[in-house]
Amino acid sequence: MMAAISISSSKPRREADDTPVRQRILDAAFSAFMESGFAETSTLEIATRARVSKRELYALVGSKQEMLMACIGERAKRLQVPTDLPELHDRESLARVLATFGTQLLREVSDPTVIAVFRLAIAEAVRAPEVAQALSSIAIETSRAASREIMTRAQSAGLLSGRPAEMAEHFSGLLWGNLMMSLLLRVADRPSPREITRRARDATAAFLKLYPQPDNAETAHSA
């Protein structure tokens, strides 16, 4: 509000308002998708909800497909490997990184908003398969890539032996178990922060038992 008052010319004011208006469009799009479904939601409805013209809607975000991808992409950023990921120099540091990443993954993906997107993708699988495609290529692949990156670094440091993609899948399985299915079916509540932390630690401990340090495995085999 203060920025809008302090700038007199119309062009700078419009540029200063771009971010909040764009977010308003994405919020309106997401709400409409959740209520009416992706296929049934029109760009006119989104523009009306966001209190913008269709021309402004297309200029700031783009097509309905691009709105969907932007909505998913904003959340997917939280599933990336942290830029300040500590150096993996022993199994203890690996355990801390896996537990931290697992906690982040469980917290973000179990968020009711994210679960709602998964339900939308399932409900629209026939009429609008692009929802599931966007969810898979943006959000799911982001988390998988982050997990593979951690496994690759651990392998390079001599802390794990195996294929990074396969190890990432195993860690994910240990982390989630049946939780995602239960959340999608509404037969379980979102885990509490304490439960999320405990689950991530248990998954990490089980994973490290499944994949012992290469040198130890070779020593045990030779003995």
C-alpha atoms as a PDB file:
ATOM      1  CA  MET A   1       0.000   0.000   0.000  1.00  0.00           C
ATOM      2  CA  MET A   2       2.768   2.458   0.927  1.00  0.00           C
ATOM      3  CA  ALA A   3       4.642   1.654  -2.266  1.00  0.00           C
ATOM      4  CA  ALA A   4       1.547   2.368  -4.354  1.00  0.00           C
ATOM      5  CA  ILE A   5       1.061   5.747  -2.677  1.00  0.00           C
ATOM      6  CA  SER A   6       4.676   6.797  -3.058  1.00  0.00           C
ATOM      7  CA  ILE A   7       4.853   6.109  -6.799  1.00  0.00           C
ATOM      8  CA  SER A   8       2.998   8.584  -8.958  1.00  0.00           C
ATOM      9  CA  SER A   9       3.289   7.296 -12.537  1.00  0.00           C
ATOM     10  CA  SER A  10       0.941   4.525 -13.647  1.00  0.00           C
ATOM     11  CA  LYS A  11       3.593   2.251 -15.170  1.00  0.00           C
ATOM     12  CA  PRO A  12       5.804   1.867 -12.070  1.00  0.00           C
ATOM     13  CA  ARG A  13       2.687   1.326  -9.948  1.00  0.00           C
ATOM     14  CA  ARG A  14       1.567  -1.468 -12.244  1.00  0.00           C
ATOM     15  CA  GLU A  15       5.003  -3.083 -12.024  1.00  0.00           C
ATOM     16  CA  ALA A  16       5.032  -2.777  -8.239  1.00  0.00           C
ATOM     17  CA  ASP A  17       1.630  -4.495  -8.118  1.00  0.00           C
ATOM     18  CA  ASP A  18       2.630  -7.367 -10.414  1.00  0.00           C
ATOM     19  CA  THR A  19       3.640  -9.763  -7.642  1.00  0.00           C
ATOM     20  CA  PRO A  20       0.532  -9.461  -5.452  1.00  0.00           C
ATOM     21  CA  VAL A  21      -1.800  -9.487  -8.454  1.00  0.00           C
ATOM     22  CA  ARG A  22      -0.104 -12.574  -9.872  1.00  0.00           C
ATOM     23  CA  GLN A  23      -0.408 -14.303  -6.513  1.00  0.00           C
ATOM     24  CA  ARG A  24      -4.055 -13.314  -6.328  1.00  0.00           C
ATOM     25  CA  ILE A  25      -4.608 -14.922  -9.730  1.00  0.00           C
ATOM     26  CA  LEU A  26      -2.879 -18.128  -8.642  1.00  0.00           C
ATOM     27  CA  ASP A  27      -4.877 -18.241  -5.404  1.00  0.00           C
ATOM     28  CA  ALA A  28      -8.090 -17.727  -7.350  1.00  0.00           C
ATOM     29  CA  ALA A  29      -7.112 -20.413  -9.872  1.00  0.00           C
ATOM     30  CA  PHE A  30      -6.273 -22.900  -7.157  1.00  0.00           C
ATOM     31  CA  SER A  31      -9.549 -22.268  -5.318  1.00  0.00           C
ATOM     32  CA  ALA A  32     -11.522 -22.674  -8.527  1.00  0.00           C
ATOM     33  CA  PHE A  33      -9.693 -25.880  -9.433  1.00  0.00           C
ATOM     34  CA  MET A  34     -10.440 -27.337  -6.002  1.00  0.00           C
ATOM     35  CA  GLU A  35     -14.125 -26.410  -6.125  1.00  0.00           C
ATOM     36  CA  SER A  36     -15.059 -27.039  -9.763  1.00  0.00           C
ATOM     37  CA  GLY A  37     -12.282 -29.248 -11.089  1.00  0.00           C
ATOM     38  CA  PHE A  38      -9.631 -28.281 -13.592  1.00  0.00           C
ATOM     39  CA  ALA A  39     -11.606 -29.190 -16.707  1.00  0.00           C
ATOM     40  CA  GLU A  40     -14.725 -27.281 -15.643  1.00  0.00           C
ATOM     41  CA  THR A  41     -12.950 -24.113 -14.514  1.00  0.00           C
ATOM     42  CA  SER A  42     -12.858 -21.315 -17.080  1.00  0.00           C
ATOM     43  CA  THR A  43     -10.324 -18.515 -17.304  1.00  0.00           C
ATOM     44  CA  LEU A  44     -13.238 -16.087 -16.999  1.00  0.00           C
ATOM     45  CA  GLU A  45     -14.149 -17.568 -13.633  1.00  0.00           C
ATOM     46  CA  ILE A  46     -10.543 -17.259 -12.455  1.00  0.00           C
ATOM     47  CA  ALA A  47     -10.301 -13.665 -13.676  1.00  0.00           C
ATOM     48  CA  THR A  48     -13.561 -12.813 -11.926  1.00  0.00           C
ATOM     49  CA  ARG A  49     -12.396 -14.349  -8.653  1.00  0.00           C
ATOM     50  CA  ALA A  50      -9.048 -12.556  -8.893  1.00  0.00           C
ATOM     51  CA  ARG A  51     -10.718  -9.249  -9.834  1.00  0.00           C
ATOM     52  CA  VAL A  52      -8.615  -8.838 -12.971  1.00  0.00           C
ATOM     53  CA  SER A  53      -9.338  -8.758 -16.684  1.00  0.00           C
ATOM     54  CA  LYS A  54      -8.712 -11.823 -18.807  1.00  0.00           C
ATOM     55  CA  ARG A  55      -6.072  -9.823 -20.655  1.00  0.00           C
ATOM     56  CA  GLU A  56      -4.223  -9.129 -17.415  1.00  0.00           C
ATOM     57  CA  LEU A  57      -4.619 -12.749 -16.378  1.00  0.00           C
ATOM     58  CA  TYR A  58      -2.934 -14.001 -19.551  1.00  0.00           C
ATOM     59  CA  ALA A  59      -0.221 -11.319 -19.354  1.00  0.00           C
ATOM     60  CA  LEU A  60       0.783 -12.109 -15.778  1.00  0.00           C
ATOM     61  CA  VAL A  61       0.361 -15.886 -15.672  1.00  0.00           C
ATOM     62  CA  GLY A  62      -0.741 -17.314 -18.996  1.00  0.00           C
ATOM     63  CA  SER A  63      -3.103 -20.120 -19.897  1.00  0.00           C
ATOM     64  CA  LYS A  64      -5.047 -22.269 -17.477  1.00  0.00           C
ATOM     65  CA  GLN A  65      -2.410 -24.976 -17.876  1.00  0.00           C
ATOM     66  CA  GLU A  66       0.317 -22.495 -16.997  1.00  0.00           C
ATOM     67  CA  MET A  67      -1.647 -21.422 -13.917  1.00  0.00           C
ATOM     68  CA  LEU A  68      -1.842 -25.029 -12.776  1.00  0.00           C
ATOM     69  CA  MET A  69       1.883 -25.533 -13.318  1.00  0.00           C
ATOM     70  CA  ALA A  70       2.658 -22.296 -11.452  1.00  0.00           C
ATOM     71  CA  CYS A  71       0.489 -23.351  -8.505  1.00  0.00           C
ATOM     72  CA  ILE A  72       2.274 -26.687  -8.277  1.00  0.00           C
ATOM     73  CA  GLY A  73       5.686 -25.179  -8.996  1.00  0.00           C
ATOM     74  CA  GLU A  74       5.483 -22.741  -6.088  1.00  0.00           C
ATOM     75  CA  ARG A  75       5.014 -25.595  -3.640  1.00  0.00           C
ATOM     76  CA  ALA A  76       7.579 -27.820  -5.403  1.00  0.00           C
ATOM     77  CA  LYS A  77      10.343 -25.315  -4.618  1.00  0.00           C
ATOM     78  CA  ARG A  78      10.119 -26.457  -1.008  1.00  0.00           C
ATOM     79  CA  LEU A  79      11.010 -30.014  -2.028  1.00  0.00           C
ATOM     80  CA  GLN A  80      14.411 -29.195  -3.488  1.00  0.00           C
ATOM     81  CA  VAL A  81      17.737 -30.057  -1.892  1.00  0.00           C
ATOM     82  CA  PRO A  82      18.675 -27.162   0.412  1.00  0.00           C
ATOM     83  CA  THR A  83      21.393 -24.961  -1.066  1.00  0.00           C
ATOM     84  CA  ASP A  84      23.222 -25.111   2.260  1.00  0.00           C
ATOM     85  CA  LEU A  85      23.292 -28.916   2.395  1.00  0.00           C
ATOM     86  CA  PRO A  86      26.201 -29.829   4.709  1.00  0.00           C
ATOM     87  CA  GLU A  87      29.147 -31.831   3.458  1.00  0.00           C
ATOM     88  CA  LEU A  88      28.643 -35.583   3.838  1.00  0.00           C
ATOM     89  CA  HIS A  89      31.831 -36.808   5.502  1.00  0.00           C
ATOM     90  CA  ASP A  90      30.591 -39.711   7.666  1.00  0.00           C
ATOM     91  CA  ARG A  91      27.501 -41.789   8.371  1.00  0.00           C
ATOM     92  CA  GLU A  92      26.443 -39.482  11.196  1.00  0.00           C
ATOM     93  CA  SER A  93      26.289 -36.469   8.879  1.00  0.00           C
ATOM     94  CA  LEU A  94      24.421 -38.583   6.315  1.00  0.00           C
ATOM     95  CA  ALA A  95      21.900 -39.614   8.977  1.00  0.00           C
ATOM     96  CA  ARG A  96      21.302 -35.979   9.910  1.00  0.00           C
ATOM     97  CA  VAL A  97      20.808 -34.946   6.288  1.00  0.00           C
ATOM     98  CA  LEU A  98      18.407 -37.811   5.552  1.00  0.00           C
ATOM     99  CA  ALA A  99      16.384 -37.180   8.714  1.00  0.00           C
ATOM    100  CA  THR A 100      16.191 -33.453   7.965  1.00  0.00           C
ATOM    101  CA  PHE A 101      15.215 -34.013   4.342  1.00  0.00           C
ATOM    102  CA  GLY A 102      12.704 -36.676   5.307  1.00  0.00           C
ATOM    103  CA  THR A 103      11.108 -34.353   7.841  1.00  0.00           C
ATOM    104  CA  GLN A 104      10.881 -31.589   5.235  1.00  0.00           C
ATOM    105  CA  LEU A 105       9.355 -33.952   2.693  1.00  0.00           C
ATOM    106  CA  LEU A 106       6.743 -35.310   5.087  1.00  0.00           C
ATOM    107  CA  ARG A 107       5.834 -31.843   6.342  1.00  0.00           C
ATOM    108  CA  GLU A 108       5.405 -30.300   2.905  1.00  0.00           C
ATOM    109  CA  VAL A 109       3.685 -33.166   1.110  1.00  0.00           C
ATOM    110  CA  SER A 110       1.297 -33.972   3.965  1.00  0.00           C
ATOM    111  CA  ASP A 111       0.067 -30.370   3.960  1.00  0.00           C
ATOM    112  CA  PRO A 112      -3.713 -30.422   3.323  1.00  0.00           C
ATOM    113  CA  THR A 113      -3.266 -28.147   0.295  1.00  0.00           C
ATOM    114  CA  VAL A 114      -0.846 -30.571  -1.347  1.00  0.00           C
ATOM    115  CA  ILE A 115      -3.026 -33.564  -0.547  1.00  0.00           C
ATOM    116  CA  ALA A 116      -5.916 -31.687  -2.156  1.00  0.00           C
ATOM    117  CA  VAL A 117      -3.881 -31.360  -5.360  1.00  0.00           C
ATOM    118  CA  PHE A 118      -3.215 -35.111  -5.374  1.00  0.00           C
ATOM    119  CA  ARG A 119      -6.929 -35.758  -4.943  1.00  0.00           C
ATOM    120  CA  LEU A 120      -7.664 -33.328  -7.780  1.00  0.00           C
ATOM    121  CA  ALA A 121      -5.215 -35.141 -10.048  1.00  0.00           C
ATOM    122  CA  ILE A 122      -6.904 -38.458  -9.293  1.00  0.00           C
ATOM    123  CA  ALA A 123     -10.418 -37.067  -9.766  1.00  0.00           C
ATOM    124  CA  GLU A 124      -9.466 -35.398 -13.069  1.00  0.00           C
ATOM    125  CA  ALA A 125      -7.360 -38.286 -14.403  1.00  0.00           C
ATOM    126  CA  VAL A 126      -9.747 -38.963 -17.293  1.00  0.00           C
ATOM    127  CA  ARG A 127     -11.108 -35.498 -18.149  1.00  0.00           C
ATOM    128  CA  ALA A 128      -7.904 -33.543 -17.501  1.00  0.00           C
ATOM    129  CA  PRO A 129      -4.837 -35.829 -17.397  1.00  0.00           C
ATOM    130  CA  GLU A 130      -2.640 -32.727 -17.573  1.00  0.00           C
ATOM    131  CA  VAL A 131      -3.220 -32.216 -13.843  1.00  0.00           C
ATOM    132  CA  ALA A 132      -1.548 -35.528 -12.991  1.00  0.00           C
ATOM    133  CA  GLN A 133       1.136 -34.915 -15.606  1.00  0.00           C
ATOM    134  CA  ALA A 134       1.985 -31.524 -14.111  1.00  0.00           C
ATOM    135  CA  LEU A 135       1.997 -32.916 -10.582  1.00  0.00           C
ATOM    136  CA  SER A 136       4.280 -35.770 -11.614  1.00  0.00           C
ATOM    137  CA  SER A 137       6.723 -33.769 -13.741  1.00  0.00           C
ATOM    138  CA  ILE A 138       7.022 -30.803 -11.373  1.00  0.00           C
ATOM    139  CA  ALA A 139       6.368 -31.735  -7.749  1.00  0.00           C
ATOM    140  CA  ILE A 140       6.977 -35.477  -7.597  1.00  0.00           C
ATOM    141  CA  GLU A 141      10.040 -35.362  -9.828  1.00  0.00           C
ATOM    142  CA  THR A 142      11.469 -32.471  -7.782  1.00  0.00           C
ATOM    143  CA  SER A 143      11.363 -34.523  -4.592  1.00  0.00           C
ATOM    144  CA  ARG A 144      12.767 -37.584  -6.351  1.00  0.00           C
ATOM    145  CA  ALA A 145      15.592 -35.567  -7.864  1.00  0.00           C
ATOM    146  CA  ALA A 146      16.429 -34.120  -4.446  1.00  0.00           C
ATOM    147  CA  SER A 147      16.555 -37.580  -2.902  1.00  0.00           C
ATOM    148  CA  ARG A 148      18.708 -38.913  -5.763  1.00  0.00           C
ATOM    149  CA  GLU A 149      21.076 -35.977  -5.329  1.00  0.00           C
ATOM    150  CA  ILE A 150      21.585 -36.813  -1.657  1.00  0.00           C
ATOM    151  CA  MET A 151      22.185 -40.489  -2.480  1.00  0.00           C
ATOM    152  CA  THR A 152      24.634 -39.555  -5.243  1.00  0.00           C
ATOM    153  CA  ARG A 153      26.622 -37.341  -2.897  1.00  0.00           C
ATOM    154  CA  ALA A 154      26.661 -40.045  -0.233  1.00  0.00           C
ATOM    155  CA  GLN A 155      27.849 -42.580  -2.792  1.00  0.00           C
ATOM    156  CA  SER A 156      30.622 -40.237  -3.959  1.00  0.00           C
ATOM    157  CA  ALA A 157      31.720 -39.810  -0.346  1.00  0.00           C
ATOM    158  CA  GLY A 158      31.994 -43.584   0.047  1.00  0.00           C
ATOM    159  CA  LEU A 159      29.115 -43.745   2.532  1.00  0.00           C
ATOM    160  CA  LEU A 160      26.648 -45.763   0.440  1.00  0.00           C
ATOM    161  CA  SER A 161      26.863 -48.408  -2.253  1.00  0.00           C
ATOM    162  CA  GLY A 162      24.079 -48.860  -4.755  1.00  0.00           C
ATOM    163  CA  ARG A 163      22.179 -47.090  -7.498  1.00  0.00           C
ATOM    164  CA  PRO A 164      21.084 -43.607  -6.346  1.00  0.00           C
ATOM    165  CA  ALA A 165      17.652 -43.867  -7.972  1.00  0.00           C
ATOM    166  CA  GLU A 166      16.971 -47.229  -6.357  1.00  0.00           C
ATOM    167  CA  MET A 167      18.203 -46.073  -2.959  1.00  0.00           C
ATOM    168  CA  ALA A 168      16.034 -42.963  -3.218  1.00  0.00           C
ATOM    169  CA  GLU A 169      12.974 -45.119  -3.895  1.00  0.00           C
ATOM    170  CA  HIS A 170      13.742 -47.331  -0.916  1.00  0.00           C
ATOM    171  CA  PHE A 171      14.133 -44.339   1.377  1.00  0.00           C
ATOM    172  CA  SER A 172      10.835 -42.918   0.143  1.00  0.00           C
ATOM    173  CA  GLY A 173       9.090 -46.231   0.806  1.00  0.00           C
ATOM    174  CA  LEU A 174      10.438 -46.386   4.343  1.00  0.00           C
ATOM    175  CA  LEU A 175       9.507 -42.766   4.914  1.00  0.00           C
ATOM    176  CA  TRP A 176       5.908 -42.944   3.734  1.00  0.00           C
ATOM    177  CA  GLY A 177       4.767 -46.515   4.184  1.00  0.00           C
ATOM    178  CA  ASN A 178       0.949 -46.425   3.881  1.00  0.00           C
ATOM    179  CA  LEU A 179       0.665 -42.818   5.073  1.00  0.00           C
ATOM    180  CA  MET A 180       0.039 -41.200   1.681  1.00  0.00           C
ATOM    181  CA  MET A 181      -2.724 -43.650   0.802  1.00  0.00           C
ATOM    182  CA  SER A 182      -4.349 -43.084   4.192  1.00  0.00           C
ATOM    183  CA  LEU A 183      -4.228 -39.318   3.739  1.00  0.00           C
ATOM    184  CA  LEU A 184      -5.716 -39.518   0.249  1.00  0.00           C
ATOM    185  CA  LEU A 185      -8.540 -41.722   1.514  1.00  0.00           C
ATOM    186  CA  ARG A 186      -9.121 -39.433   4.519  1.00  0.00           C
ATOM    187  CA  VAL A 187      -8.739 -42.349   6.916  1.00  0.00           C
ATOM    188  CA  ALA A 188      -5.832 -40.716   8.739  1.00  0.00           C
ATOM    189  CA  ASP A 189      -5.078 -37.237   9.979  1.00  0.00           C
ATOM    190  CA  ARG A 190      -1.989 -35.318   9.037  1.00  0.00           C
ATOM    191  CA  PRO A 191       0.829 -36.381  11.402  1.00  0.00           C
ATOM    192  CA  SER A 192       1.888 -33.921  14.069  1.00  0.00           C
ATOM    193  CA  PRO A 193       5.326 -32.244  13.893  1.00  0.00           C
ATOM    194  CA  ARG A 194       6.578 -34.666  16.549  1.00  0.00           C
ATOM    195  CA  GLU A 195       5.255 -37.671  14.638  1.00  0.00           C
ATOM    196  CA  ILE A 196       6.783 -36.368  11.403  1.00  0.00           C
ATOM    197  CA  THR A 197      10.194 -36.023  13.080  1.00  0.00           C
ATOM    198  CA  ARG A 198       9.954 -39.503  14.609  1.00  0.00           C
ATOM    199  CA  ARG A 199       8.894 -41.029  11.292  1.00  0.00           C
ATOM    200  CA  ALA A 200      11.822 -39.410   9.444  1.00  0.00           C
ATOM    201  CA  ARG A 201      14.305 -40.623  12.042  1.00  0.00           C
ATOM    202  CA  ASP A 202      12.929 -44.168  11.982  1.00  0.00           C
ATOM    203  CA  ALA A 203      13.050 -44.250   8.180  1.00  0.00           C
ATOM    204  CA  THR A 204      16.636 -42.999   8.242  1.00  0.00           C
ATOM    205  CA  ALA A 205      17.703 -45.634  10.768  1.00  0.00           C
ATOM    206  CA  ALA A 206      16.045 -48.426   8.773  1.00  0.00           C
ATOM    207  CA  PHE A 207      17.564 -47.169   5.527  1.00  0.00           C
ATOM    208  CA  LEU A 208      21.108 -47.059   6.923  1.00  0.00           C
ATOM    209  CA  LYS A 209      20.718 -50.619   8.195  1.00  0.00           C
ATOM    210  CA  LEU A 210      19.570 -51.669   4.739  1.00  0.00           C
ATOM    211  CA  TYR A 211      22.574 -49.954   3.159  1.00  0.00           C
ATOM    212  CA  PRO A 212      25.650 -50.347   5.390  1.00  0.00           C
ATOM    213  CA  GLN A 213      28.830 -48.456   4.642  1.00  0.00           C
ATOM    214  CA  PRO A 214      30.648 -50.155   1.726  1.00  0.00           C
ATOM    215  CA  ASP A 215      33.933 -50.759   3.575  1.00  0.00           C
ATOM    216  CA  ASN A 216      32.130 -52.469   6.456  1.00  0.00           C
ATOM    217  CA  ALA A 217      30.154 -54.633   4.049  1.00  0.00           C
ATOM    218  CA  GLU A 218      33.326 -55.711   2.226  1.00  0.00           C
ATOM    219  CA  THR A 219      35.104 -56.486   5.517  1.00  0.00           C
ATOM    220  CA  ALA A 220      32.176 -58.544   6.762  1.00  0.00           C
ATOM    221  CA  HIS A 221      32.021 -60.451   3.478  1.00  0.00           C
ATOM    222  CA  SER A 222      35.755 -61.236   3.451  1.00  0.00           C
ATOM    223  CA  ALA A 223      35.585 -62.435   7.060  1.00  0.00           C
END
